[in-house]
Structure formats: structure tokens, C-alpha cells
Amino acid sequence: DHLGFIFQQYNLLQNLTVYENVQIGSDL
């Protein structure tokens, strides 16, 4: 609910588009 994280490794889901990867954060 309160914290965001950015790491050295990008940890993106390879089968999702840029928009869909960002949407993962939005859906939380």
C-alpha cells in the first residue's frame, strides 16, 4: 500500500508489453 521498489535488475515480465508491465504496479 505504501512502498515502491526499484532494483538493479529490472525484473520485468518478458511476455508482457511495456504498458502491461507498468499496469502490474497500477493494479496493486
PDB file of all heavy atoms in Angstrom:
ATOM      1  N   ASP A   1       0.797  -1.226   0.000  1.00  0.00           N
ATOM      2  CA  ASP A   1       0.000   0.000   0.000  1.00  0.00           C
ATOM      3  C   ASP A   1       0.831   1.278   0.000  1.00  0.00           C
ATOM      4  O   ASP A   1       0.363   2.323  -0.459  1.00  0.00           O
ATOM      5  CB  ASP A   1      -0.930   0.018   1.220  1.00  0.00           C
ATOM      6  CG  ASP A   1      -1.991  -1.071   1.171  1.00  0.00           C
ATOM      7  OD1 ASP A   1      -2.256  -1.578   0.062  1.00  0.00           O
ATOM      8  OD2 ASP A   1      -2.526  -1.419   2.248  1.00  0.00           O
ATOM      9  N   HIS A   2       2.069   1.221   0.495  1.00  0.00           N
ATOM     10  CA  HIS A   2       2.810   2.465   0.730  1.00  0.00           C
ATOM     11  C   HIS A   2       4.191   2.565   0.090  1.00  0.00           C
ATOM     12  O   HIS A   2       4.710   3.674  -0.046  1.00  0.00           O
ATOM     13  CB  HIS A   2       2.976   2.677   2.244  1.00  0.00           C
ATOM     14  CG  HIS A   2       1.690   2.790   2.988  1.00  0.00           C
ATOM     15  ND1 HIS A   2       0.908   3.930   2.952  1.00  0.00           N
ATOM     16  CD2 HIS A   2       1.037   1.900   3.781  1.00  0.00           C
ATOM     17  CE1 HIS A   2      -0.179   3.737   3.700  1.00  0.00           C
ATOM     18  NE2 HIS A   2      -0.121   2.524   4.213  1.00  0.00           N
ATOM     19  N   LEU A   3       4.798   1.437  -0.281  1.00  0.00           N
ATOM     20  CA  LEU A   3       6.196   1.457  -0.686  1.00  0.00           C
ATOM     21  C   LEU A   3       6.376   1.028  -2.138  1.00  0.00           C
ATOM     22  O   LEU A   3       5.669   0.155  -2.636  1.00  0.00           O
ATOM     23  CB  LEU A   3       7.022   0.529   0.214  1.00  0.00           C
ATOM     24  CG  LEU A   3       6.853   0.699   1.730  1.00  0.00           C
ATOM     25  CD1 LEU A   3       7.774  -0.252   2.472  1.00  0.00           C
ATOM     26  CD2 LEU A   3       7.096   2.134   2.153  1.00  0.00           C
ATOM     27  N   GLY A   4       7.355   1.657  -2.799  1.00  0.00           N
ATOM     28  CA  GLY A   4       7.745   1.258  -4.142  1.00  0.00           C
ATOM     29  C   GLY A   4       9.205   0.843  -4.144  1.00  0.00           C
ATOM     30  O   GLY A   4       9.998   1.319  -3.323  1.00  0.00           O
ATOM     31  N   PHE A   5       9.578  -0.042  -5.084  1.00  0.00           N
ATOM     32  CA  PHE A   5      10.937  -0.564  -5.137  1.00  0.00           C
ATOM     33  C   PHE A   5      11.480  -0.530  -6.560  1.00  0.00           C
ATOM     34  O   PHE A   5      10.777  -0.870  -7.515  1.00  0.00           O
ATOM     35  CB  PHE A   5      10.988  -2.009  -4.623  1.00  0.00           C
ATOM     36  CG  PHE A   5      10.620  -2.154  -3.170  1.00  0.00           C
ATOM     37  CD1 PHE A   5       9.301  -2.355  -2.795  1.00  0.00           C
ATOM     38  CD2 PHE A   5      11.582  -2.065  -2.185  1.00  0.00           C
ATOM     39  CE1 PHE A   5       8.947  -2.477  -1.467  1.00  0.00           C
ATOM     40  CE2 PHE A   5      11.243  -2.185  -0.847  1.00  0.00           C
ATOM     41  CZ  PHE A   5       9.932  -2.394  -0.483  1.00  0.00           C
ATOM     42  N   ILE A   6      12.741  -0.105  -6.686  1.00  0.00           N
ATOM     43  CA  ILE A   6      13.458  -0.162  -7.948  1.00  0.00           C
ATOM     44  C   ILE A   6      14.798  -0.821  -7.659  1.00  0.00           C
ATOM     45  O   ILE A   6      15.556  -0.362  -6.800  1.00  0.00           O
ATOM     46  CB  ILE A   6      13.677   1.237  -8.544  1.00  0.00           C
ATOM     47  CG1 ILE A   6      12.328   1.934  -8.790  1.00  0.00           C
ATOM     48  CG2 ILE A   6      14.479   1.153  -9.846  1.00  0.00           C
ATOM     49  CD1 ILE A   6      12.456   3.409  -9.073  1.00  0.00           C
ATOM     50  N   PHE A   7      15.096  -1.900  -8.393  1.00  0.00           N
ATOM     51  CA  PHE A   7      16.313  -2.662  -8.138  1.00  0.00           C
ATOM     52  C   PHE A   7      17.273  -2.555  -9.317  1.00  0.00           C
ATOM     53  O   PHE A   7      16.917  -2.065 -10.392  1.00  0.00           O
ATOM     54  CB  PHE A   7      15.973  -4.134  -7.875  1.00  0.00           C
ATOM     55  CG  PHE A   7      15.090  -4.352  -6.677  1.00  0.00           C
ATOM     56  CD1 PHE A   7      13.731  -4.576  -6.826  1.00  0.00           C
ATOM     57  CD2 PHE A   7      15.614  -4.318  -5.392  1.00  0.00           C
ATOM     58  CE1 PHE A   7      12.905  -4.768  -5.722  1.00  0.00           C
ATOM     59  CE2 PHE A   7      14.805  -4.509  -4.281  1.00  0.00           C
ATOM     60  CZ  PHE A   7      13.442  -4.728  -4.449  1.00  0.00           C
ATOM     61  N   GLN A   8      18.490  -3.037  -9.104  1.00  0.00           N
ATOM     62  CA  GLN A   8      19.482  -3.036 -10.180  1.00  0.00           C
ATOM     63  C   GLN A   8      19.002  -3.913 -11.332  1.00  0.00           C
ATOM     64  O   GLN A   8      19.171  -3.570 -12.502  1.00  0.00           O
ATOM     65  CB  GLN A   8      20.829  -3.537  -9.659  1.00  0.00           C
ATOM     66  CG  GLN A   8      21.941  -3.534 -10.696  1.00  0.00           C
ATOM     67  CD  GLN A   8      23.292  -3.897 -10.099  1.00  0.00           C
ATOM     68  OE1 GLN A   8      23.497  -3.802  -8.888  1.00  0.00           O
ATOM     69  NE2 GLN A   8      24.208  -4.322 -10.931  1.00  0.00           N
ATOM     70  N   GLN A   9      18.408  -5.053 -10.999  1.00  0.00           N
ATOM     71  CA  GLN A   9      17.809  -5.909 -12.020  1.00  0.00           C
ATOM     72  C   GLN A   9      16.395  -5.411 -12.305  1.00  0.00           C
ATOM     73  O   GLN A   9      15.655  -5.059 -11.389  1.00  0.00           O
ATOM     74  CB  GLN A   9      17.769  -7.364 -11.541  1.00  0.00           C
ATOM     75  CG  GLN A   9      19.142  -7.934 -11.202  1.00  0.00           C
ATOM     76  CD  GLN A   9      20.097  -7.880 -12.377  1.00  0.00           C
ATOM     77  OE1 GLN A   9      19.714  -8.166 -13.504  1.00  0.00           O
ATOM     78  NE2 GLN A   9      21.348  -7.503 -12.119  1.00  0.00           N
ATOM     79  N   TYR A  10      16.011  -5.398 -13.556  1.00  0.00           N
ATOM     80  CA  TYR A  10      14.763  -4.745 -13.948  1.00  0.00           C
ATOM     81  C   TYR A  10      13.529  -5.538 -13.531  1.00  0.00           C
ATOM     82  O   TYR A  10      12.469  -4.976 -13.281  1.00  0.00           O
ATOM     83  CB  TYR A  10      14.742  -4.516 -15.464  1.00  0.00           C
ATOM     84  CG  TYR A  10      16.067  -4.043 -16.019  1.00  0.00           C
ATOM     85  CD1 TYR A  10      16.682  -4.714 -17.075  1.00  0.00           C
ATOM     86  CD2 TYR A  10      16.723  -2.945 -15.460  1.00  0.00           C
ATOM     87  CE1 TYR A  10      17.909  -4.291 -17.567  1.00  0.00           C
ATOM     88  CE2 TYR A  10      17.948  -2.522 -15.948  1.00  0.00           C
ATOM     89  CZ  TYR A  10      18.539  -3.205 -17.003  1.00  0.00           C
ATOM     90  OH  TYR A  10      19.755  -2.790 -17.483  1.00  0.00           O
ATOM     91  N   ASN A  11      13.643  -6.876 -13.466  1.00  0.00           N
ATOM     92  CA  ASN A  11      12.542  -7.731 -13.012  1.00  0.00           C
ATOM     93  C   ASN A  11      11.258  -7.511 -13.805  1.00  0.00           C
ATOM     94  O   ASN A  11      10.161  -7.508 -13.238  1.00  0.00           O
ATOM     95  CB  ASN A  11      12.279  -7.516 -11.513  1.00  0.00           C
ATOM     96  CG  ASN A  11      13.467  -7.888 -10.650  1.00  0.00           C
ATOM     97  OD1 ASN A  11      14.117  -8.898 -10.884  1.00  0.00           O
ATOM     98  ND2 ASN A  11      13.772  -7.054  -9.661  1.00  0.00           N
ATOM     99  N   LEU A  12      11.393  -7.312 -15.105  1.00  0.00           N
ATOM    100  CA  LEU A  12      10.221  -7.172 -15.965  1.00  0.00           C
ATOM    101  C   LEU A  12       9.756  -8.552 -16.427  1.00  0.00           C
ATOM    102  O   LEU A  12      10.557  -9.481 -16.569  1.00  0.00           O
ATOM    103  CB  LEU A  12      10.546  -6.304 -17.185  1.00  0.00           C
ATOM    104  CG  LEU A  12      11.052  -4.892 -16.889  1.00  0.00           C
ATOM    105  CD1 LEU A  12      11.334  -4.150 -18.194  1.00  0.00           C
ATOM    106  CD2 LEU A  12      10.054  -4.109 -16.047  1.00  0.00           C
ATOM    107  N   LEU A  13       8.458  -8.676 -16.673  1.00  0.00           N
ATOM    108  CA  LEU A  13       7.917  -9.920 -17.209  1.00  0.00           C
ATOM    109  C   LEU A  13       8.055  -9.895 -18.727  1.00  0.00           C
ATOM    110  O   LEU A  13       7.502  -9.020 -19.395  1.00  0.00           O
ATOM    111  CB  LEU A  13       6.454 -10.088 -16.788  1.00  0.00           C
ATOM    112  CG  LEU A  13       6.240 -10.237 -15.275  1.00  0.00           C
ATOM    113  CD1 LEU A  13       4.764 -10.398 -14.958  1.00  0.00           C
ATOM    114  CD2 LEU A  13       7.024 -11.424 -14.730  1.00  0.00           C
ATOM    115  N   GLN A  14       8.799 -10.857 -19.245  1.00  0.00           N
ATOM    116  CA  GLN A  14       9.189 -10.821 -20.649  1.00  0.00           C
ATOM    117  C   GLN A  14       8.031 -11.038 -21.614  1.00  0.00           C
ATOM    118  O   GLN A  14       8.103 -10.642 -22.778  1.00  0.00           O
ATOM    119  CB  GLN A  14      10.277 -11.874 -20.902  1.00  0.00           C
ATOM    120  CG  GLN A  14      11.564 -11.625 -20.127  1.00  0.00           C
ATOM    121  CD  GLN A  14      12.219 -10.292 -20.485  1.00  0.00           C
ATOM    122  OE1 GLN A  14      12.423  -9.993 -21.663  1.00  0.00           O
ATOM    123  NE2 GLN A  14      12.536  -9.486 -19.478  1.00  0.00           N
ATOM    124  N   ASN A  15       6.962 -11.663 -21.147  1.00  0.00           N
ATOM    125  CA  ASN A  15       5.826 -11.927 -22.025  1.00  0.00           C
ATOM    126  C   ASN A  15       4.761 -10.833 -21.969  1.00  0.00           C
ATOM    127  O   ASN A  15       3.690 -10.983 -22.558  1.00  0.00           O
ATOM    128  CB  ASN A  15       5.194 -13.281 -21.682  1.00  0.00           C
ATOM    129  CG  ASN A  15       4.647 -13.330 -20.268  1.00  0.00           C
ATOM    130  OD1 ASN A  15       5.137 -12.613 -19.392  1.00  0.00           O
ATOM    131  ND2 ASN A  15       3.644 -14.153 -20.028  1.00  0.00           N
ATOM    132  N   LEU A  16       5.057  -9.748 -21.265  1.00  0.00           N
ATOM    133  CA  LEU A  16       4.134  -8.617 -21.177  1.00  0.00           C
ATOM    134  C   LEU A  16       4.747  -7.402 -21.849  1.00  0.00           C
ATOM    135  O   LEU A  16       5.972  -7.218 -21.850  1.00  0.00           O
ATOM    136  CB  LEU A  16       3.816  -8.281 -19.718  1.00  0.00           C
ATOM    137  CG  LEU A  16       3.120  -9.358 -18.892  1.00  0.00           C
ATOM    138  CD1 LEU A  16       2.818  -8.823 -17.489  1.00  0.00           C
ATOM    139  CD2 LEU A  16       1.829  -9.835 -19.560  1.00  0.00           C
ATOM    140  N   THR A  17       3.897  -6.550 -22.404  1.00  0.00           N
ATOM    141  CA  THR A  17       4.361  -5.317 -23.039  1.00  0.00           C
ATOM    142  C   THR A  17       4.779  -4.304 -21.979  1.00  0.00           C
ATOM    143  O   THR A  17       4.561  -4.510 -20.776  1.00  0.00           O
ATOM    144  CB  THR A  17       3.255  -4.697 -23.895  1.00  0.00           C
ATOM    145  OG1 THR A  17       2.173  -4.289 -23.029  1.00  0.00           O
ATOM    146  CG2 THR A  17       2.738  -5.673 -24.943  1.00  0.00           C
ATOM    147  N   VAL A  18       5.374  -3.214 -22.439  1.00  0.00           N
ATOM    148  CA  VAL A  18       5.735  -2.119 -21.543  1.00  0.00           C
ATOM    149  C   VAL A  18       4.513  -1.664 -20.755  1.00  0.00           C
ATOM    150  O   VAL A  18       4.564  -1.539 -19.522  1.00  0.00           O
ATOM    151  CB  VAL A  18       6.323  -0.936 -22.353  1.00  0.00           C
ATOM    152  CG1 VAL A  18       6.383   0.324 -21.495  1.00  0.00           C
ATOM    153  CG2 VAL A  18       7.705  -1.289 -22.884  1.00  0.00           C
ATOM    154  N   TYR A  19       3.414  -1.416 -21.445  1.00  0.00           N
ATOM    155  CA  TYR A  19       2.190  -0.945 -20.776  1.00  0.00           C
ATOM    156  C   TYR A  19       1.732  -1.961 -19.731  1.00  0.00           C
ATOM    157  O   TYR A  19       1.391  -1.594 -18.603  1.00  0.00           O
ATOM    158  CB  TYR A  19       1.088  -0.730 -21.812  1.00  0.00           C
ATOM    159  CG  TYR A  19      -0.175  -0.113 -21.244  1.00  0.00           C
ATOM    160  CD1 TYR A  19      -0.380   1.258 -21.309  1.00  0.00           C
ATOM    161  CD2 TYR A  19      -1.157  -0.900 -20.640  1.00  0.00           C
ATOM    162  CE1 TYR A  19      -1.533   1.837 -20.784  1.00  0.00           C
ATOM    163  CE2 TYR A  19      -2.301  -0.337 -20.110  1.00  0.00           C
ATOM    164  CZ  TYR A  19      -2.494   1.035 -20.192  1.00  0.00           C
ATOM    165  OH  TYR A  19      -3.627   1.603 -19.664  1.00  0.00           O
ATOM    166  N   GLU A  20       1.737  -3.247 -20.091  1.00  0.00           N
ATOM    167  CA  GLU A  20       1.245  -4.287 -19.185  1.00  0.00           C
ATOM    168  C   GLU A  20       2.159  -4.451 -17.981  1.00  0.00           C
ATOM    169  O   GLU A  20       1.684  -4.728 -16.866  1.00  0.00           O
ATOM    170  CB  GLU A  20       1.109  -5.601 -19.950  1.00  0.00           C
ATOM    171  CG  GLU A  20      -0.021  -5.579 -20.975  1.00  0.00           C
ATOM    172  CD  GLU A  20       0.049  -6.741 -21.954  1.00  0.00           C
ATOM    173  OE1 GLU A  20       1.149  -7.338 -22.111  1.00  0.00           O
ATOM    174  OE2 GLU A  20      -0.983  -7.047 -22.569  1.00  0.00           O
ATOM    175  N   ASN A  21       3.472  -4.290 -18.169  1.00  0.00           N
ATOM    176  CA  ASN A  21       4.384  -4.348 -17.025  1.00  0.00           C
ATOM    177  C   ASN A  21       4.114  -3.229 -16.043  1.00  0.00           C
ATOM    178  O   ASN A  21       4.137  -3.434 -14.824  1.00  0.00           O
ATOM    179  CB  ASN A  21       5.839  -4.295 -17.512  1.00  0.00           C
ATOM    180  CG  ASN A  21       6.457  -5.660 -17.737  1.00  0.00           C
ATOM    181  OD1 ASN A  21       6.827  -6.350 -16.784  1.00  0.00           O
ATOM    182  ND2 ASN A  21       6.553  -6.067 -18.998  1.00  0.00           N
ATOM    183  N   VAL A  22       3.861  -2.027 -16.552  1.00  0.00           N
ATOM    184  CA  VAL A  22       3.549  -0.901 -15.674  1.00  0.00           C
ATOM    185  C   VAL A  22       2.198  -1.117 -14.997  1.00  0.00           C
ATOM    186  O   VAL A  22       2.001  -0.767 -13.824  1.00  0.00           O
ATOM    187  CB  VAL A  22       3.560   0.420 -16.460  1.00  0.00           C
ATOM    188  CG1 VAL A  22       3.161   1.598 -15.555  1.00  0.00           C
ATOM    189  CG2 VAL A  22       4.947   0.675 -17.045  1.00  0.00           C
ATOM    190  N   GLN A  23       1.275  -1.747 -15.713  1.00  0.00           N
ATOM    191  CA  GLN A  23      -0.062  -1.985 -15.159  1.00  0.00           C
ATOM    192  C   GLN A  23      -0.018  -2.899 -13.936  1.00  0.00           C
ATOM    193  O   GLN A  23      -0.876  -2.809 -13.051  1.00  0.00           O
ATOM    194  CB  GLN A  23      -0.954  -2.589 -16.236  1.00  0.00           C
ATOM    195  CG  GLN A  23      -2.426  -2.651 -15.864  1.00  0.00           C
ATOM    196  CD  GLN A  23      -3.280  -3.097 -17.026  1.00  0.00           C
ATOM    197  OE1 GLN A  23      -2.846  -3.832 -17.913  1.00  0.00           O
ATOM    198  NE2 GLN A  23      -4.520  -2.637 -17.050  1.00  0.00           N
ATOM    199  N   ILE A  24       1.004  -3.757 -13.864  1.00  0.00           N
ATOM    200  CA  ILE A  24       1.149  -4.621 -12.687  1.00  0.00           C
ATOM    201  C   ILE A  24       1.228  -3.770 -11.419  1.00  0.00           C
ATOM    202  O   ILE A  24       0.599  -4.071 -10.400  1.00  0.00           O
ATOM    203  CB  ILE A  24       2.409  -5.501 -12.825  1.00  0.00           C
ATOM    204  CG1 ILE A  24       2.204  -6.544 -13.912  1.00  0.00           C
ATOM    205  CG2 ILE A  24       2.734  -6.181 -11.490  1.00  0.00           C
ATOM    206  CD1 ILE A  24       3.450  -7.353 -14.209  1.00  0.00           C
ATOM    207  N   GLY A  25       2.029  -2.694 -11.469  1.00  0.00           N
ATOM    208  CA  GLY A  25       2.110  -1.795 -10.326  1.00  0.00           C
ATOM    209  C   GLY A  25       0.803  -1.072 -10.075  1.00  0.00           C
ATOM    210  O   GLY A  25       0.360  -0.920  -8.930  1.00  0.00           O
ATOM    211  N   SER A  26       0.149  -0.652 -11.156  1.00  0.00           N
ATOM    212  CA  SER A  26      -1.114   0.070 -11.040  1.00  0.00           C
ATOM    213  C   SER A  26      -2.194  -0.771 -10.388  1.00  0.00           C
ATOM    214  O   SER A  26      -3.017  -0.269  -9.613  1.00  0.00           O
ATOM    215  CB  SER A  26      -1.557   0.506 -12.447  1.00  0.00           C
ATOM    216  OG  SER A  26      -2.780   1.189 -12.409  1.00  0.00           O
ATOM    217  N   ASP A  27      -2.188  -2.071 -10.676  1.00  0.00           N
ATOM    218  CA  ASP A  27      -3.242  -2.960 -10.164  1.00  0.00           C
ATOM    219  C   ASP A  27      -3.089  -3.258  -8.675  1.00  0.00           C
ATOM    220  O   ASP A  27      -3.990  -3.868  -8.078  1.00  0.00           O
ATOM    221  CB  ASP A  27      -3.233  -4.280 -10.942  1.00  0.00           C
ATOM    222  CG  ASP A  27      -3.749  -4.119 -12.365  1.00  0.00           C
ATOM    223  OD1 ASP A  27      -4.383  -3.086 -12.655  1.00  0.00           O
ATOM    224  OD2 ASP A  27      -3.500  -5.026 -13.192  1.00  0.00           O
ATOM    225  N   LEU A  28      -1.985  -2.837  -8.060  1.00  0.00           N
ATOM    226  CA  LEU A  28      -1.750  -3.127  -6.649  1.00  0.00           C
ATOM    227  C   LEU A  28      -2.422  -2.133  -5.708  1.00  0.00           C
ATOM    228  O   LEU A  28      -2.387  -2.312  -4.498  1.00  0.00           O
ATOM    229  CB  LEU A  28      -0.242  -3.146  -6.360  1.00  0.00           C
ATOM    230  CG  LEU A  28       0.555  -4.292  -6.977  1.00  0.00           C
ATOM    231  CD1 LEU A  28       2.042  -4.088  -6.734  1.00  0.00           C
ATOM    232  CD2 LEU A  28       0.097  -5.640  -6.410  1.00  0.00           C
TER     233      LEU A  28
END
